[in-house]
C-alpha atoms as a PDB file:
ATOM      1  CA  MET A   1      24.164  16.272 -13.418  1.00  0.00           C
ATOM      2  CA  ALA A   2      24.934  17.419 -16.953  1.00  0.00           C
ATOM      3  CA  ASP A   3      24.043  20.969 -17.965  1.00  0.00           C
ATOM      4  CA  THR A   4      21.783  19.715 -20.768  1.00  0.00           C
ATOM      5  CA  ILE A   5      19.313  16.925 -20.129  1.00  0.00           C
ATOM      6  CA  THR A   6      18.721  14.479 -22.984  1.00  0.00           C
ATOM      7  CA  VAL A   7      15.165  13.150 -23.160  1.00  0.00           C
ATOM      8  CA  LEU A   8      13.969  10.329 -25.425  1.00  0.00           C
ATOM      9  CA  VAL A   9      10.388  10.944 -26.603  1.00  0.00           C
ATOM     10  CA  PRO A  10       8.153   8.706 -28.774  1.00  0.00           C
ATOM     11  CA  HIS A  11       6.405  11.600 -30.564  1.00  0.00           C
ATOM     12  CA  ALA A  12       7.635  14.610 -32.514  1.00  0.00           C
ATOM     13  CA  GLN A  13       5.200  16.637 -30.415  1.00  0.00           C
ATOM     14  CA  GLY A  14       7.483  15.996 -27.470  1.00  0.00           C
ATOM     15  CA  THR A  15      10.317  17.903 -29.117  1.00  0.00           C
ATOM     16  CA  GLU A  16       7.971  20.869 -29.573  1.00  0.00           C
ATOM     17  CA  GLN A  17       6.650  21.022 -26.010  1.00  0.00           C
ATOM     18  CA  LEU A  18       9.734  20.159 -23.963  1.00  0.00           C
ATOM     19  CA  GLU A  19      11.871  23.257 -23.440  1.00  0.00           C
ATOM     20  CA  GLY A  20      15.325  23.648 -21.926  1.00  0.00           C
ATOM     21  CA  VAL A  21      16.294  20.038 -22.701  1.00  0.00           C
ATOM     22  CA  THR A  22      17.497  18.084 -25.717  1.00  0.00           C
ATOM     23  CA  ALA A  23      14.464  16.059 -26.829  1.00  0.00           C
ATOM     24  CA  VAL A  24      15.198  13.219 -29.256  1.00  0.00           C
ATOM     25  CA  VAL A  25      12.501  11.192 -31.002  1.00  0.00           C
ATOM     26  CA  TYR A  26      12.901   7.417 -30.889  1.00  0.00           C
ATOM     27  CA  ASP A  27      11.005   4.467 -32.347  1.00  0.00           C
ATOM     28  CA  PRO A  28       9.766   2.243 -29.479  1.00  0.00           C
ATOM     29  CA  ASP A  29       9.797  -0.752 -31.849  1.00  0.00           C
ATOM     30  CA  GLY A  30      13.061  -0.011 -33.636  1.00  0.00           C
ATOM     31  CA  GLU A  31      16.681   0.795 -33.009  1.00  0.00           C
ATOM     32  CA  LEU A  32      17.348   3.510 -30.463  1.00  0.00           C
ATOM     33  CA  PRO A  33      19.146   6.643 -31.691  1.00  0.00           C
ATOM     34  CA  GLU A  34      22.790   7.186 -30.754  1.00  0.00           C
ATOM     35  CA  GLU A  35      21.701   9.798 -28.183  1.00  0.00           C
ATOM     36  CA  ALA A  36      20.306   6.934 -26.100  1.00  0.00           C
ATOM     37  CA  ALA A  37      23.823   6.292 -24.820  1.00  0.00           C
ATOM     38  CA  HIS A  38      23.682   9.453 -22.693  1.00  0.00           C
ATOM     39  CA  ALA A  39      19.916   9.978 -22.254  1.00  0.00           C
ATOM     40  CA  GLN A  40      18.881  10.678 -18.668  1.00  0.00           C
ATOM     41  CA  VAL A  41      15.103  10.654 -19.242  1.00  0.00           C
ATOM     42  CA  LEU A  42      12.850   8.202 -21.072  1.00  0.00           C
ATOM     43  CA  VAL A  43       9.269   9.046 -22.025  1.00  0.00           C
ATOM     44  CA  PRO A  44       7.475   5.771 -22.939  1.00  0.00           C
ATOM     45  CA  PRO A  45       4.596   5.703 -25.443  1.00  0.00           C
ATOM     46  CA  PHE A  46       1.058   6.480 -24.268  1.00  0.00           C
ATOM     47  CA  LEU A  47      -0.517   3.388 -22.628  1.00  0.00           C
ATOM     48  CA  ALA A  48       2.801   1.553 -22.919  1.00  0.00           C
ATOM     49  CA  THR A  49       2.702  -2.030 -21.657  1.00  0.00           C
ATOM     50  CA  GLY A  50       5.315  -3.854 -19.628  1.00  0.00           C
ATOM     51  CA  GLU A  51       7.222  -4.665 -22.820  1.00  0.00           C
ATOM     52  CA  ALA A  52       8.419  -1.070 -22.934  1.00  0.00           C
ATOM     53  CA  VAL A  53      10.208  -1.579 -19.607  1.00  0.00           C
ATOM     54  CA  ALA A  54      12.909  -3.467 -21.521  1.00  0.00           C
ATOM     55  CA  LEU A  55      13.984  -0.169 -23.091  1.00  0.00           C
ATOM     56  CA  THR A  56      15.458   0.900 -19.759  1.00  0.00           C
ATOM     57  CA  GLU A  57      18.101  -1.820 -20.041  1.00  0.00           C
ATOM     58  CA  LYS A  58      19.503  -0.076 -23.119  1.00  0.00           C
ATOM     59  CA  LEU A  59      19.918   3.310 -21.415  1.00  0.00           C
ATOM     60  CA  PRO A  60      23.057   3.273 -19.245  1.00  0.00           C
ATOM     61  CA  ARG A  61      22.626   6.835 -17.923  1.00  0.00           C
ATOM     62  CA  LEU A  62      18.892   6.700 -17.280  1.00  0.00           C
ATOM     63  CA  GLU A  63      17.717   8.538 -14.160  1.00  0.00           C
ATOM     64  CA  LEU A  64      14.001   9.170 -14.774  1.00  0.00           C
ATOM     65  CA  VAL A  65      11.110   7.494 -16.572  1.00  0.00           C
ATOM     66  CA  GLN A  66       8.378  10.054 -17.242  1.00  0.00           C
ATOM     67  CA  LEU A  67       5.027   8.489 -18.171  1.00  0.00           C
ATOM     68  CA  LEU A  68       2.340  10.024 -20.373  1.00  0.00           C
ATOM     69  CA  THR A  69      -0.368   8.232 -18.392  1.00  0.00           C
ATOM     70  CA  ALA A  70      -1.537   8.387 -14.778  1.00  0.00           C
ATOM     71  CA  GLY A  71      -1.400   4.588 -14.484  1.00  0.00           C
ATOM     72  CA  ALA A  72       2.061   3.364 -13.508  1.00  0.00           C
ATOM     73  CA  GLU A  73       1.429  -0.287 -12.649  1.00  0.00           C
ATOM     74  CA  ALA A  74       3.486  -1.636 -15.570  1.00  0.00           C
ATOM     75  CA  TRP A  75       6.582   0.151 -14.239  1.00  0.00           C
ATOM     76  CA  VAL A  76       6.423   0.085 -10.439  1.00  0.00           C
ATOM     77  CA  GLY A  77       9.112  -2.165  -9.010  1.00  0.00           C
ATOM     78  CA  LYS A  78      10.581  -2.976 -12.437  1.00  0.00           C
ATOM     79  CA  LEU A  79      13.052  -0.158 -13.003  1.00  0.00           C
ATOM     80  CA  PRO A  80      16.808  -0.347 -12.464  1.00  0.00           C
ATOM     81  CA  GLU A  81      17.956   0.703  -9.018  1.00  0.00           C
ATOM     82  CA  GLY A  82      18.124   4.454  -8.627  1.00  0.00           C
ATOM     83  CA  VAL A  83      15.827   5.273 -11.558  1.00  0.00           C
ATOM     84  CA  MET A  84      12.891   7.491 -10.606  1.00  0.00           C
ATOM     85  CA  LEU A  85       9.362   7.084 -11.968  1.00  0.00           C
ATOM     86  CA  SER A  86       6.980   9.994 -12.520  1.00  0.00           C
ATOM     87  CA  ASP A  87       3.410   9.694 -13.769  1.00  0.00           C
ATOM     88  CA  CYS A  88       1.231  12.111 -15.735  1.00  0.00           C
ATOM     89  CA  ARG A  89      -1.314  12.865 -13.038  1.00  0.00           C
ATOM     90  CA  GLY A  90      -3.329  15.926 -14.025  1.00  0.00           C
ATOM     91  CA  ALA A  91      -3.264  15.395 -17.787  1.00  0.00           C
ATOM     92  CA  HIS A  92      -6.211  13.052 -18.292  1.00  0.00           C
ATOM     93  CA  GLY A  93      -8.512  13.777 -15.350  1.00  0.00           C
ATOM     94  CA  GLY A  94     -10.937  15.920 -17.307  1.00  0.00           C
ATOM     95  CA  ALA A  95     -11.297  13.518 -20.226  1.00  0.00           C
ATOM     96  CA  THR A  96     -11.697  10.475 -17.977  1.00  0.00           C
ATOM     97  CA  ALA A  97     -14.258  12.288 -15.826  1.00  0.00           C
ATOM     98  CA  GLU A  98     -16.151  13.185 -19.003  1.00  0.00           C
ATOM     99  CA  TRP A  99     -16.254   9.473 -19.888  1.00  0.00           C
ATOM    100  CA  VAL A 100     -17.622   8.668 -16.406  1.00  0.00           C
ATOM    101  CA  VAL A 101     -20.432  11.196 -16.830  1.00  0.00           C
ATOM    102  CA  ALA A 102     -21.181   9.942 -20.346  1.00  0.00           C
ATOM    103  CA  ALA A 103     -21.291   6.337 -19.102  1.00  0.00           C
ATOM    104  CA  LEU A 104     -23.664   7.147 -16.256  1.00  0.00           C
ATOM    105  CA  LEU A 105     -25.917   9.168 -18.562  1.00  0.00           C
ATOM    106  CA  ALA A 106     -25.941   6.333 -21.092  1.00  0.00           C
ATOM    107  CA  VAL A 107     -26.904   3.770 -18.439  1.00  0.00           C
ATOM    108  CA  TYR A 108     -29.567   5.884 -16.765  1.00  0.00           C
ATOM    109  CA  ARG A 109     -31.110   7.131 -20.027  1.00  0.00           C
ATOM    110  CA  HIS A 110     -30.948   3.605 -21.553  1.00  0.00           C
ATOM    111  CA  LEU A 111     -28.941   4.749 -24.567  1.00  0.00           C
ATOM    112  CA  PRO A 112     -27.458   1.290 -25.321  1.00  0.00           C
ATOM    113  CA  GLN A 113     -30.978  -0.170 -25.478  1.00  0.00           C
ATOM    114  CA  PHE A 114     -32.155   2.587 -27.792  1.00  0.00           C
ATOM    115  CA  VAL A 115     -29.146   2.118 -30.105  1.00  0.00           C
ATOM    116  CA  ARG A 116     -29.943  -1.598 -30.357  1.00  0.00           C
ATOM    117  CA  ALA A 117     -33.560  -0.757 -31.128  1.00  0.00           C
ATOM    118  CA  GLN A 118     -32.430   1.698 -33.798  1.00  0.00           C
ATOM    119  CA  ASP A 119     -30.293  -1.011 -35.399  1.00  0.00           C
ATOM    120  CA  GLU A 120     -33.444  -3.128 -35.608  1.00  0.00           C
ATOM    121  CA  ALA A 121     -35.650  -0.221 -36.817  1.00  0.00           C
ATOM    122  CA  ARG A 122     -37.763  -0.791 -33.708  1.00  0.00           C
ATOM    123  CA  TRP A 123     -39.582   2.057 -31.898  1.00  0.00           C
ATOM    124  CA  ASP A 124     -38.826   1.153 -28.271  1.00  0.00           C
ATOM    125  CA  TYR A 125     -40.661   3.885 -26.377  1.00  0.00           C
ATOM    126  CA  HIS A 126     -40.357   3.553 -22.606  1.00  0.00           C
ATOM    127  CA  GLN A 127     -39.582   5.645 -19.569  1.00  0.00           C
ATOM    128  CA  THR A 128     -35.946   5.910 -18.487  1.00  0.00           C
ATOM    129  CA  GLU A 129     -34.194   7.020 -15.328  1.00  0.00           C
ATOM    130  CA  GLU A 130     -32.481  10.357 -14.673  1.00  0.00           C
ATOM    131  CA  MET A 131     -29.280  11.590 -13.067  1.00  0.00           C
ATOM    132  CA  ASP A 132     -30.974  14.160 -10.864  1.00  0.00           C
ATOM    133  CA  GLY A 133     -31.036  13.018  -7.244  1.00  0.00           C
ATOM    134  CA  LYS A 134     -28.605  10.138  -7.696  1.00  0.00           C
ATOM    135  CA  ARG A 135     -26.042   9.403  -4.971  1.00  0.00           C
ATOM    136  CA  VAL A 136     -22.652   8.438  -6.370  1.00  0.00           C
ATOM    137  CA  LEU A 137     -19.806   6.953  -4.345  1.00  0.00           C
ATOM    138  CA  ILE A 138     -16.407   7.720  -5.879  1.00  0.00           C
ATOM    139  CA  VAL A 139     -13.594   5.387  -4.828  1.00  0.00           C
ATOM    140  CA  GLY A 140     -10.445   7.372  -5.470  1.00  0.00           C
ATOM    141  CA  ALA A 141      -9.908  10.959  -4.384  1.00  0.00           C
ATOM    142  CA  GLY A 142      -7.333  12.361  -6.781  1.00  0.00           C
ATOM    143  CA  ASP A 143      -7.423  14.427  -9.949  1.00  0.00           C
ATOM    144  CA  VAL A 144      -9.954  12.276 -11.809  1.00  0.00           C
ATOM    145  CA  ALA A 145     -12.251  12.232  -8.781  1.00  0.00           C
ATOM    146  CA  GLU A 146     -12.130  16.010  -8.428  1.00  0.00           C
ATOM    147  CA  ASN A 147     -12.948  16.434 -12.112  1.00  0.00           C
ATOM    148  CA  THR A 148     -15.766  13.904 -11.824  1.00  0.00           C
ATOM    149  CA  VAL A 149     -17.357  15.706  -8.877  1.00  0.00           C
ATOM    150  CA  ARG A 150     -17.281  19.023 -10.761  1.00  0.00           C
ATOM    151  CA  ARG A 151     -18.997  17.464 -13.762  1.00  0.00           C
ATOM    152  CA  LEU A 152     -21.625  15.495 -11.845  1.00  0.00           C
ATOM    153  CA  THR A 153     -22.730  18.288  -9.510  1.00  0.00           C
ATOM    154  CA  PRO A 154     -24.644  20.313 -12.169  1.00  0.00           C
ATOM    155  CA  PHE A 155     -26.762  17.194 -12.840  1.00  0.00           C
ATOM    156  CA  GLY A 156     -28.090  17.256  -9.276  1.00  0.00           C
ATOM    157  CA  VAL A 157     -25.888  14.348  -8.202  1.00  0.00           C
ATOM    158  CA  THR A 158     -24.668  13.961  -4.614  1.00  0.00           C
ATOM    159  CA  THR A 159     -21.115  12.610  -4.416  1.00  0.00           C
ATOM    160  CA  THR A 160     -19.114  10.921  -1.656  1.00  0.00           C
ATOM    161  CA  LEU A 161     -15.347  10.464  -1.910  1.00  0.00           C
ATOM    162  CA  VAL A 162     -13.312   7.516  -0.642  1.00  0.00           C
ATOM    163  CA  GLY A 163      -9.509   7.518  -0.475  1.00  0.00           C
ATOM    164  CA  ARG A 164      -6.783   5.281   0.848  1.00  0.00           C
ATOM    165  CA  ARG A 165      -6.969   7.132   4.150  1.00  0.00           C
ATOM    166  CA  ALA A 166      -9.630   9.329   5.737  1.00  0.00           C
ATOM    167  CA  ARG A 167      -9.097  13.107   5.566  1.00  0.00           C
ATOM    168  CA  ASP A 168     -11.191  16.235   5.352  1.00  0.00           C
ATOM    169  CA  GLY A 169     -14.052  15.529   2.942  1.00  0.00           C
ATOM    170  CA  VAL A 170     -12.784  12.028   2.159  1.00  0.00           C
ATOM    171  CA  HIS A 171     -13.719   8.704   3.771  1.00  0.00           C
ATOM    172  CA  GLY A 172     -11.121   5.983   4.269  1.00  0.00           C
ATOM    173  CA  ILE A 173     -11.164   2.828   2.149  1.00  0.00           C
ATOM    174  CA  ASP A 174     -11.945   0.817   5.285  1.00  0.00           C
ATOM    175  CA  GLU A 175     -15.416   2.430   5.240  1.00  0.00           C
ATOM    176  CA  VAL A 176     -16.285   1.606   1.650  1.00  0.00           C
ATOM    177  CA  ARG A 177     -18.498  -1.435   2.237  1.00  0.00           C
ATOM    178  CA  ASP A 178     -20.504   0.457   4.844  1.00  0.00           C
ATOM    179  CA  LEU A 179     -21.018   3.321   2.374  1.00  0.00           C
ATOM    180  CA  LEU A 180     -21.961   1.261  -0.682  1.00  0.00           C
ATOM    181  CA  PRO A 181     -25.541   0.385   0.385  1.00  0.00           C
ATOM    182  CA  ASP A 182     -26.472   4.088   0.564  1.00  0.00           C
ATOM    183  CA  HIS A 183     -25.457   4.946  -3.002  1.00  0.00           C
ATOM    184  CA  ASP A 184     -27.055   4.461  -6.404  1.00  0.00           C
ATOM    185  CA  ALA A 185     -23.744   4.121  -8.227  1.00  0.00           C
ATOM    186  CA  CYS A 186     -20.098   3.488  -7.442  1.00  0.00           C
ATOM    187  CA  VAL A 187     -17.344   4.958  -9.618  1.00  0.00           C
ATOM    188  CA  VAL A 188     -13.917   3.376  -9.163  1.00  0.00           C
ATOM    189  CA  ILE A 189     -10.923   5.455 -10.271  1.00  0.00           C
ATOM    190  CA  VAL A 190      -7.958   4.170  -8.274  1.00  0.00           C
ATOM    191  CA  PRO A 191      -4.468   3.229  -9.487  1.00  0.00           C
ATOM    192  CA  LEU A 192      -3.660  -0.464  -9.760  1.00  0.00           C
ATOM    193  CA  THR A 193      -1.527  -1.413  -6.763  1.00  0.00           C
ATOM    194  CA  ASP A 194      -1.182  -4.441  -4.518  1.00  0.00           C
ATOM    195  CA  ASP A 195      -3.833  -2.855  -2.271  1.00  0.00           C
ATOM    196  CA  THR A 196      -6.374  -2.216  -5.042  1.00  0.00           C
ATOM    197  CA  ARG A 197      -5.942  -5.389  -7.098  1.00  0.00           C
ATOM    198  CA  GLY A 198      -9.198  -7.326  -6.695  1.00  0.00           C
ATOM    199  CA  LEU A 199     -10.766  -4.495  -4.670  1.00  0.00           C
ATOM    200  CA  ILE A 200     -14.095  -4.988  -6.455  1.00  0.00           C
ATOM    201  CA  ASP A 201     -14.670  -8.560  -5.349  1.00  0.00           C
ATOM    202  CA  ALA A 202     -17.821 -10.546  -4.602  1.00  0.00           C
ATOM    203  CA  GLY A 203     -18.166  -8.960  -1.160  1.00  0.00           C
ATOM    204  CA  PHE A 204     -17.775  -5.439  -2.550  1.00  0.00           C
ATOM    205  CA  LEU A 205     -20.428  -6.092  -5.198  1.00  0.00           C
ATOM    206  CA  ALA A 206     -22.766  -7.755  -2.700  1.00  0.00           C
ATOM    207  CA  ALA A 207     -22.727  -4.569  -0.619  1.00  0.00           C
ATOM    208  CA  MET A 208     -24.099  -2.562  -3.563  1.00  0.00           C
ATOM    209  CA  PRO A 209     -27.905  -2.189  -3.549  1.00  0.00           C
ATOM    210  CA  ASP A 210     -30.102  -3.889  -6.142  1.00  0.00           C
ATOM    211  CA  GLY A 211     -30.205  -2.014  -9.431  1.00  0.00           C
ATOM    212  CA  SER A 212     -27.156   0.107  -8.673  1.00  0.00           C
ATOM    213  CA  VAL A 213     -24.413   0.829 -11.199  1.00  0.00           C
ATOM    214  CA  LEU A 214     -20.705   0.033 -11.000  1.00  0.00           C
ATOM    215  CA  VAL A 215     -18.427   2.217 -13.132  1.00  0.00           C
ATOM    216  CA  ASN A 216     -14.828   1.047 -13.527  1.00  0.00           C
ATOM    217  CA  ALA A 217     -12.563   3.698 -15.016  1.00  0.00           C
ATOM    218  CA  ALA A 218      -9.500   2.418 -13.144  1.00  0.00           C
ATOM    219  CA  ARG A 219      -7.788  -0.742 -14.392  1.00  0.00           C
ATOM    220  CA  GLY A 220      -9.230  -4.159 -15.242  1.00  0.00           C
ATOM    221  CA  PRO A 221      -7.528  -6.124 -12.430  1.00  0.00           C
ATOM    222  CA  VAL A 222      -9.100  -3.807  -9.838  1.00  0.00           C
ATOM    223  CA  ALA A 223     -12.279  -5.836 -10.409  1.00  0.00           C
ATOM    224  CA  ASP A 224     -12.872  -9.579 -10.081  1.00  0.00           C
ATOM    225  CA  THR A 225     -14.198 -10.222 -13.584  1.00  0.00           C
ATOM    226  CA  ASP A 226     -15.956 -13.474 -12.662  1.00  0.00           C
ATOM    227  CA  ALA A 227     -17.719 -11.884  -9.689  1.00  0.00           C
ATOM    228  CA  LEU A 228     -18.829  -8.923 -11.792  1.00  0.00           C
ATOM    229  CA  THR A 229     -20.054 -11.160 -14.603  1.00  0.00           C
ATOM    230  CA  ALA A 230     -22.079 -13.228 -12.114  1.00  0.00           C
ATOM    231  CA  GLU A 231     -23.814 -10.121 -10.730  1.00  0.00           C
ATOM    232  CA  LEU A 232     -24.613  -8.862 -14.231  1.00  0.00           C
ATOM    233  CA  VAL A 233     -25.958 -12.219 -15.385  1.00  0.00           C
ATOM    234  CA  SER A 234     -28.200 -12.350 -12.315  1.00  0.00           C
ATOM    235  CA  GLY A 235     -29.637  -8.969 -13.309  1.00  0.00           C
ATOM    236  CA  ARG A 236     -29.070  -7.518  -9.839  1.00  0.00           C
ATOM    237  CA  LEU A 237     -26.444  -4.932 -10.837  1.00  0.00           C
ATOM    238  CA  ARG A 238     -25.546  -2.882 -13.887  1.00  0.00           C
ATOM    239  CA  ALA A 239     -22.094  -1.709 -14.933  1.00  0.00           C
ATOM    240  CA  ALA A 240     -20.119   0.510 -17.268  1.00  0.00           C
ATOM    241  CA  VAL A 241     -16.459  -0.405 -17.718  1.00  0.00           C
ATOM    242  CA  ASP A 242     -13.690   1.187 -19.767  1.00  0.00           C
ATOM    243  CA  VAL A 243     -11.162  -1.426 -18.638  1.00  0.00           C
ATOM    244  CA  THR A 244     -11.186  -5.204 -18.468  1.00  0.00           C
ATOM    245  CA  GLU A 245      -9.097  -8.145 -17.336  1.00  0.00           C
ATOM    246  CA  PRO A 246      -7.688  -9.375 -19.635  1.00  0.00           C
ATOM    247  CA  GLU A 247      -7.297  -6.498 -22.063  1.00  0.00           C
ATOM    248  CA  PRO A 248      -8.075  -6.526 -24.924  1.00  0.00           C
ATOM    249  CA  LEU A 249     -11.037  -8.724 -24.012  1.00  0.00           C
ATOM    250  CA  PRO A 250     -11.070 -11.976 -26.060  1.00  0.00           C
ATOM    251  CA  ALA A 251     -13.958 -12.281 -28.500  1.00  0.00           C
ATOM    252  CA  ASP A 252     -15.349 -15.355 -26.715  1.00  0.00           C
ATOM    253  CA  HIS A 253     -15.275 -13.818 -23.229  1.00  0.00           C
ATOM    254  CA  PRO A 254     -18.649 -14.009 -21.389  1.00  0.00           C
ATOM    255  CA  LEU A 255     -18.408 -10.366 -20.347  1.00  0.00           C
ATOM    256  CA  TRP A 256     -19.241  -9.286 -23.923  1.00  0.00           C
ATOM    257  CA  SER A 257     -22.742 -10.726 -23.652  1.00  0.00           C
ATOM    258  CA  ALA A 258     -23.420  -9.918 -19.995  1.00  0.00           C
ATOM    259  CA  PRO A 259     -26.746  -8.066 -19.629  1.00  0.00           C
ATOM    260  CA  GLY A 260     -26.774  -4.569 -18.212  1.00  0.00           C
ATOM    261  CA  LEU A 261     -23.192  -3.825 -19.265  1.00  0.00           C
ATOM    262  CA  LEU A 262     -21.795  -0.880 -21.214  1.00  0.00           C
ATOM    263  CA  LEU A 263     -18.237  -1.689 -22.309  1.00  0.00           C
ATOM    264  CA  THR A 264     -15.757   0.634 -24.016  1.00  0.00           C
ATOM    265  CA  PRO A 265     -12.168  -0.266 -25.065  1.00  0.00           C
ATOM    266  CA  HIS A 266     -10.058   1.804 -22.623  1.00  0.00           C
ATOM    267  CA  VAL A 267     -10.801   5.128 -24.305  1.00  0.00           C
ATOM    268  CA  GLY A 268     -11.427   7.345 -21.263  1.00  0.00           C
ATOM    269  CA  GLY A 269      -8.326   9.465 -21.826  1.00  0.00           C
ATOM    270  CA  SER A 270      -7.999   8.945 -25.578  1.00  0.00           C
ATOM    271  CA  VAL A 271      -9.071  12.336 -26.913  1.00  0.00           C
ATOM    272  CA  PRO A 272      -7.439  14.788 -29.368  1.00  0.00           C
ATOM    273  CA  GLY A 273      -6.031  17.063 -26.662  1.00  0.00           C
ATOM    274  CA  GLY A 274      -4.792  14.235 -24.485  1.00  0.00           C
ATOM    275  CA  LEU A 275      -1.261  14.037 -25.853  1.00  0.00           C
ATOM    276  CA  ARG A 276      -0.791  17.810 -25.726  1.00  0.00           C
ATOM    277  CA  ARG A 277      -1.873  17.915 -22.081  1.00  0.00           C
ATOM    278  CA  ALA A 278       0.281  14.879 -21.280  1.00  0.00           C
ATOM    279  CA  TYR A 279       3.418  16.517 -22.645  1.00  0.00           C
ATOM    280  CA  GLY A 280       2.480  19.683 -20.774  1.00  0.00           C
ATOM    281  CA  VAL A 281       2.543  17.769 -17.490  1.00  0.00           C
ATOM    282  CA  ALA A 282       5.645  15.842 -18.557  1.00  0.00           C
ATOM    283  CA  ALA A 283       7.420  19.140 -19.284  1.00  0.00           C
ATOM    284  CA  GLU A 284       6.772  20.312 -15.723  1.00  0.00           C
ATOM    285  CA  GLN A 285       8.115  17.069 -14.261  1.00  0.00           C
ATOM    286  CA  ILE A 286      11.217  17.011 -16.461  1.00  0.00           C
ATOM    287  CA  ALA A 287      11.923  20.693 -15.742  1.00  0.00           C
ATOM    288  CA  ALA A 288      11.924  19.928 -12.008  1.00  0.00           C
ATOM    289  CA  PHE A 289      14.319  17.026 -12.626  1.00  0.00           C
ATOM    290  CA  ALA A 290      16.595  19.281 -14.689  1.00  0.00           C
ATOM    291  CA  ARG A 291      16.750  21.689 -11.729  1.00  0.00           C
ATOM    292  CA  GLY A 292      17.938  18.859  -9.523  1.00  0.00           C
ATOM    293  CA  GLU A 293      14.548  18.472  -7.809  1.00  0.00           C
ATOM    294  CA  GLN A 294      12.263  15.473  -7.473  1.00  0.00           C
ATOM    295  CA  PRO A 295       9.401  15.552  -9.999  1.00  0.00           C
ATOM    296  CA  PRO A 296       6.122  16.566  -8.272  1.00  0.00           C
ATOM    297  CA  ASN A 297       4.422  13.460  -9.715  1.00  0.00           C
ATOM    298  CA  LEU A 298       7.001  11.037  -8.358  1.00  0.00           C
ATOM    299  CA  VAL A 299       5.214   7.698  -7.975  1.00  0.00           C
ATOM    300  CA  GLU A 300       4.996   6.599  -4.366  1.00  0.00           C
ATOM    301  CA  GLY A 301       1.564   4.897  -4.286  1.00  0.00           C
ATOM    302  CA  GLY A 302      -1.719   6.006  -2.757  1.00  0.00           C
ATOM    303  CA  TYR A 303      -5.023   7.278  -4.121  1.00  0.00           C
END
């Protein structure tokens, strides 16, 4: 391995936060700089789609793709042989967990209804629900889940964690449908993999008790959109989603008008400090690579 690692970054901020390497800014939509010919590391743009994968074909010495997001589904299985993939786990957990708490508070305190009433200059006084005493099942037991538990606990919420496999303090995914009936809300924060695609299907939703809340802060394809829409239209369940399938959601999609739904446009991790924290994690991963080690966030699946 060369003494100096060349890293292509899509933001000038990357050149400021990455130390001990040669960081070169590139335009994801333009011509690559001449340094691309010997770059060993590529940092794709935040929330890069599968189109960015094509950049790897123009980097003959590429050894590592370092993401700025925790989601890696656009890249898994699509890189040239021998190229490692590292995600940005740990950068966006706090912000995403904050969105989960905000979404649950909004649903339980009927904030969307009150905003609509305000738009109509209508005084819609009525009693709402509260977070205190709620039982929340969290499907996913990684960084976002840990941050979510810490933020929900002060509200008097009881949380239960579900992971890919059972371990201390975490139930296995094979138990999820038995656990759902005993919880007031289910928060899904898993990566999109072959195992989690379509996880929230009609059977999953049917196991949720009447009036409960589904929160999807994972990826759109984790949920069966038609099944979710049917439950919302029936009025049996409520939901808050930051992700959809497809995404962006077409203007004529029935999910827009589904009752009992709070929908945001994939903004859970989009906060002012997000990029700074992402490059902080990326710097740790790239430093490990430069030392000849595997990046700690090497993508191998699981949740």
